[in-house]
Amino acid sequence: MTGLSFLIPIALGLSLCGLVAYFWALDHGQFDDPDGAALRILIDDDEGGEA
């Protein structure tokens, strides 16, 4: 029972840290262009010939 008195606040603290990190990333535009990186790999920008 004493283990729960340590684990529950630790779990709540970690979940709060995760929630803060998520809202920070959302506020700083980390999720603005989710398809850009997936489509960027299809662009062939190889200007030179084969080596």
PDB file of N, CA and C in Angstrom:
ATOM      1  N   MET A   1       0.808  -1.188   0.000  1.00  0.00           N
ATOM      2  CA  MET A   1       0.000   0.000   0.000  1.00  0.00           C
ATOM      3  C   MET A   1       0.859   1.263   0.000  1.00  0.00           C
ATOM      4  N   THR A   2       2.023   1.200   0.644  1.00  0.00           N
ATOM      5  CA  THR A   2       2.878   2.385   0.653  1.00  0.00           C
ATOM      6  C   THR A   2       3.496   2.622  -0.726  1.00  0.00           C
ATOM      7  N   GLY A   3       3.608   1.548  -1.506  1.00  0.00           N
ATOM      8  CA  GLY A   3       4.129   1.720  -2.862  1.00  0.00           C
ATOM      9  C   GLY A   3       3.207   2.569  -3.716  1.00  0.00           C
ATOM     10  N   LEU A   4       1.907   2.409  -3.511  1.00  0.00           N
ATOM     11  CA  LEU A   4       0.951   3.213  -4.264  1.00  0.00           C
ATOM     12  C   LEU A   4       1.032   4.691  -3.905  1.00  0.00           C
ATOM     13  N   SER A   5       1.393   4.970  -2.676  1.00  0.00           N
ATOM     14  CA  SER A   5       1.501   6.378  -2.278  1.00  0.00           C
ATOM     15  C   SER A   5       2.680   7.065  -2.967  1.00  0.00           C
ATOM     16  N   PHE A   6       3.624   6.288  -3.468  1.00  0.00           N
ATOM     17  CA  PHE A   6       4.721   6.856  -4.256  1.00  0.00           C
ATOM     18  C   PHE A   6       4.426   6.816  -5.750  1.00  0.00           C
ATOM     19  N   LEU A   7       3.815   5.739  -6.210  1.00  0.00           N
ATOM     20  CA  LEU A   7       3.628   5.555  -7.646  1.00  0.00           C
ATOM     21  C   LEU A   7       2.531   6.445  -8.225  1.00  0.00           C
ATOM     22  N   ILE A   8       1.476   6.679  -7.494  1.00  0.00           N
ATOM     23  CA  ILE A   8       0.385   7.502  -8.023  1.00  0.00           C
ATOM     24  C   ILE A   8       0.837   8.949  -8.247  1.00  0.00           C
ATOM     25  N   PRO A   9       1.508   9.612  -7.316  1.00  0.00           N
ATOM     26  CA  PRO A   9       1.985  10.980  -7.626  1.00  0.00           C
ATOM     27  C   PRO A   9       3.023  11.020  -8.746  1.00  0.00           C
ATOM     28  N   ILE A  10       3.856   9.997  -8.830  1.00  0.00           N
ATOM     29  CA  ILE A  10       4.837   9.950  -9.916  1.00  0.00           C
ATOM     30  C   ILE A  10       4.132   9.809 -11.257  1.00  0.00           C
ATOM     31  N   ALA A  11       3.126   8.950 -11.330  1.00  0.00           N
ATOM     32  CA  ALA A  11       2.368   8.775 -12.571  1.00  0.00           C
ATOM     33  C   ALA A  11       1.623  10.049 -12.941  1.00  0.00           C
ATOM     34  N   LEU A  12       1.039  10.710 -11.961  1.00  0.00           N
ATOM     35  CA  LEU A  12       0.351  11.969 -12.250  1.00  0.00           C
ATOM     36  C   LEU A  12       1.329  13.050 -12.704  1.00  0.00           C
ATOM     37  N   GLY A  13       2.504  13.101 -12.101  1.00  0.00           N
ATOM     38  CA  GLY A  13       3.509  14.081 -12.503  1.00  0.00           C
ATOM     39  C   GLY A  13       4.019  13.839 -13.914  1.00  0.00           C
ATOM     40  N   LEU A  14       4.264  12.573 -14.263  1.00  0.00           N
ATOM     41  CA  LEU A  14       4.727  12.264 -15.612  1.00  0.00           C
ATOM     42  C   LEU A  14       3.658  12.549 -16.657  1.00  0.00           C
ATOM     43  N   SER A  15       2.412  12.248 -16.327  1.00  0.00           N
ATOM     44  CA  SER A  15       1.348  12.541 -17.285  1.00  0.00           C
ATOM     45  C   SER A  15       1.166  14.047 -17.447  1.00  0.00           C
ATOM     46  N   LEU A  16       1.346  14.797 -16.395  1.00  0.00           N
ATOM     47  CA  LEU A  16       1.281  16.255 -16.495  1.00  0.00           C
ATOM     48  C   LEU A  16       2.427  16.792 -17.349  1.00  0.00           C
ATOM     49  N   CYS A  17       3.607  16.229 -17.195  1.00  0.00           N
ATOM     50  CA  CYS A  17       4.745  16.639 -18.036  1.00  0.00           C
ATOM     51  C   CYS A  17       4.481  16.327 -19.507  1.00  0.00           C
ATOM     52  N   GLY A  18       3.902  15.183 -19.787  1.00  0.00           N
ATOM     53  CA  GLY A  18       3.559  14.827 -21.164  1.00  0.00           C
ATOM     54  C   GLY A  18       2.513  15.750 -21.751  1.00  0.00           C
ATOM     55  N   LEU A  19       1.543  16.122 -20.948  1.00  0.00           N
ATOM     56  CA  LEU A  19       0.502  17.040 -21.416  1.00  0.00           C
ATOM     57  C   LEU A  19       1.070  18.426 -21.683  1.00  0.00           C
ATOM     58  N   VAL A  20       1.963  18.880 -20.832  1.00  0.00           N
ATOM     59  CA  VAL A  20       2.618  20.178 -21.042  1.00  0.00           C
ATOM     60  C   VAL A  20       3.474  20.139 -22.302  1.00  0.00           C
ATOM     61  N   ALA A  21       4.194  19.042 -22.522  1.00  0.00           N
ATOM     62  CA  ALA A  21       5.021  18.922 -23.725  1.00  0.00           C
ATOM     63  C   ALA A  21       4.164  18.900 -24.987  1.00  0.00           C
ATOM     64  N   TYR A  22       3.016  18.241 -24.925  1.00  0.00           N
ATOM     65  CA  TYR A  22       2.120  18.205 -26.075  1.00  0.00           C
ATOM     66  C   TYR A  22       1.595  19.600 -26.403  1.00  0.00           C
ATOM     67  N   PHE A  23       1.138  20.335 -25.399  1.00  0.00           N
ATOM     68  CA  PHE A  23       0.620  21.669 -25.654  1.00  0.00           C
ATOM     69  C   PHE A  23       1.729  22.629 -26.087  1.00  0.00           C
ATOM     70  N   TRP A  24       2.952  22.425 -25.603  1.00  0.00           N
ATOM     71  CA  TRP A  24       4.072  23.241 -26.060  1.00  0.00           C
ATOM     72  C   TRP A  24       4.329  22.989 -27.550  1.00  0.00           C
ATOM     73  N   ALA A  25       4.342  21.719 -27.950  1.00  0.00           N
ATOM     74  CA  ALA A  25       4.575  21.384 -29.350  1.00  0.00           C
ATOM     75  C   ALA A  25       3.445  21.900 -30.232  1.00  0.00           C
ATOM     76  N   LEU A  26       2.231  21.832 -29.734  1.00  0.00           N
ATOM     77  CA  LEU A  26       1.092  22.333 -30.486  1.00  0.00           C
ATOM     78  C   LEU A  26       1.182  23.846 -30.665  1.00  0.00           C
ATOM     79  N   ASP A  27       1.620  24.547 -29.634  1.00  0.00           N
ATOM     80  CA  ASP A  27       1.742  25.998 -29.684  1.00  0.00           C
ATOM     81  C   ASP A  27       2.885  26.451 -30.582  1.00  0.00           C
ATOM     82  N   HIS A  28       3.937  25.650 -30.705  1.00  0.00           N
ATOM     83  CA  HIS A  28       5.101  26.036 -31.497  1.00  0.00           C
ATOM     84  C   HIS A  28       5.063  25.485 -32.922  1.00  0.00           C
ATOM     85  N   GLY A  29       3.906  24.996 -33.371  1.00  0.00           N
ATOM     86  CA  GLY A  29       3.739  24.628 -34.777  1.00  0.00           C
ATOM     87  C   GLY A  29       4.357  23.312 -35.184  1.00  0.00           C
ATOM     88  N   GLN A  30       4.534  22.385 -34.286  1.00  0.00           N
ATOM     89  CA  GLN A  30       5.154  21.114 -34.637  1.00  0.00           C
ATOM     90  C   GLN A  30       4.228  20.221 -35.462  1.00  0.00           C
ATOM     91  N   PHE A  31       2.925  20.490 -35.431  1.00  0.00           N
ATOM     92  CA  PHE A  31       1.965  19.644 -36.125  1.00  0.00           C
ATOM     93  C   PHE A  31       1.312  20.376 -37.296  1.00  0.00           C
ATOM     94  N   ASP A  32       1.933  21.429 -37.802  1.00  0.00           N
ATOM     95  CA  ASP A  32       1.327  22.227 -38.862  1.00  0.00           C
ATOM     96  C   ASP A  32       1.315  21.528 -40.210  1.00  0.00           C
ATOM     97  N   ASP A  33       2.356  20.783 -40.550  1.00  0.00           N
ATOM     98  CA  ASP A  33       2.473  20.179 -41.873  1.00  0.00           C
ATOM     99  C   ASP A  33       2.790  18.683 -41.751  1.00  0.00           C
ATOM    100  N   PRO A  34       1.803  17.853 -41.392  1.00  0.00           N
ATOM    101  CA  PRO A  34       2.103  16.432 -41.216  1.00  0.00           C
ATOM    102  C   PRO A  34       2.332  15.696 -42.530  1.00  0.00           C
ATOM    103  N   ASP A  35       1.806  16.212 -43.654  1.00  0.00           N
ATOM    104  CA  ASP A  35       1.955  15.519 -44.934  1.00  0.00           C
ATOM    105  C   ASP A  35       3.180  15.988 -45.711  1.00  0.00           C
ATOM    106  N   GLY A  36       3.769  17.090 -45.309  1.00  0.00           N
ATOM    107  CA  GLY A  36       4.893  17.638 -46.062  1.00  0.00           C
ATOM    108  C   GLY A  36       6.098  16.717 -46.099  1.00  0.00           C
ATOM    109  N   ALA A  37       6.467  16.162 -44.960  1.00  0.00           N
ATOM    110  CA  ALA A  37       7.639  15.284 -44.926  1.00  0.00           C
ATOM    111  C   ALA A  37       7.373  13.982 -45.671  1.00  0.00           C
ATOM    112  N   ALA A  38       6.135  13.510 -45.643  1.00  0.00           N
ATOM    113  CA  ALA A  38       5.803  12.275 -46.342  1.00  0.00           C
ATOM    114  C   ALA A  38       5.848  12.468 -47.859  1.00  0.00           C
ATOM    115  N   LEU A  39       5.456  13.630 -48.316  1.00  0.00           N
ATOM    116  CA  LEU A  39       5.468  13.888 -49.754  1.00  0.00           C
ATOM    117  C   LEU A  39       6.828  14.378 -50.241  1.00  0.00           C
ATOM    118  N   ARG A  40       7.620  14.940 -49.359  1.00  0.00           N
ATOM    119  CA  ARG A  40       8.927  15.483 -49.741  1.00  0.00           C
ATOM    120  C   ARG A  40       9.873  14.388 -50.222  1.00  0.00           C
ATOM    121  N   ILE A  41       9.679  13.176 -49.742  1.00  0.00           N
ATOM    122  CA  ILE A  41      10.574  12.097 -50.165  1.00  0.00           C
ATOM    123  C   ILE A  41      10.318  11.691 -51.611  1.00  0.00           C
ATOM    124  N   LEU A  42       9.144  12.020 -52.136  1.00  0.00           N
ATOM    125  CA  LEU A  42       8.812  11.659 -53.511  1.00  0.00           C
ATOM    126  C   LEU A  42       9.363  12.646 -54.529  1.00  0.00           C
ATOM    127  N   ILE A  43       9.797  13.821 -54.076  1.00  0.00           N
ATOM    128  CA  ILE A  43      10.309  14.836 -54.995  1.00  0.00           C
ATOM    129  C   ILE A  43      11.728  14.458 -55.412  1.00  0.00           C
ATOM    130  N   ASP A  44      11.936  14.379 -56.714  1.00  0.00           N
ATOM    131  CA  ASP A  44      13.249  14.020 -57.228  1.00  0.00           C
ATOM    132  C   ASP A  44      14.021  15.302 -57.527  1.00  0.00           C
ATOM    133  N   ASP A  45      14.915  15.673 -56.644  1.00  0.00           N
ATOM    134  CA  ASP A  45      15.679  16.887 -56.822  1.00  0.00           C
ATOM    135  C   ASP A  45      17.128  16.588 -57.207  1.00  0.00           C
ATOM    136  N   ASP A  46      17.364  15.437 -57.779  1.00  0.00           N
ATOM    137  CA  ASP A  46      18.699  15.041 -58.201  1.00  0.00           C
ATOM    138  C   ASP A  46      19.003  15.717 -59.533  1.00  0.00           C
ATOM    139  N   GLU A  47      19.791  16.792 -59.491  1.00  0.00           N
ATOM    140  CA  GLU A  47      20.088  17.571 -60.683  1.00  0.00           C
ATOM    141  C   GLU A  47      21.221  16.936 -61.499  1.00  0.00           C
ATOM    142  N   GLY A  48      22.128  16.278 -60.820  1.00  0.00           N
ATOM    143  CA  GLY A  48      23.276  15.709 -61.504  1.00  0.00           C
ATOM    144  C   GLY A  48      22.996  14.306 -62.026  1.00  0.00           C
ATOM    145  N   GLY A  49      23.955  13.764 -62.726  1.00  0.00           N
ATOM    146  CA  GLY A  49      23.818  12.410 -63.237  1.00  0.00           C
ATOM    147  C   GLY A  49      24.220  11.391 -62.177  1.00  0.00           C
ATOM    148  N   GLU A  50      24.200  10.154 -62.587  1.00  0.00           N
ATOM    149  CA  GLU A  50      24.585   9.115 -61.629  1.00  0.00           C
ATOM    150  C   GLU A  50      26.100   9.097 -61.490  1.00  0.00           C
ATOM    151  N   ALA A  51      26.545   8.787 -60.322  1.00  0.00           N
ATOM    152  CA  ALA A  51      27.982   8.812 -60.044  1.00  0.00           C
ATOM    153  C   ALA A  51      28.676   7.590 -60.522  1.00  0.00           C
TER     154      ALA A  51
END
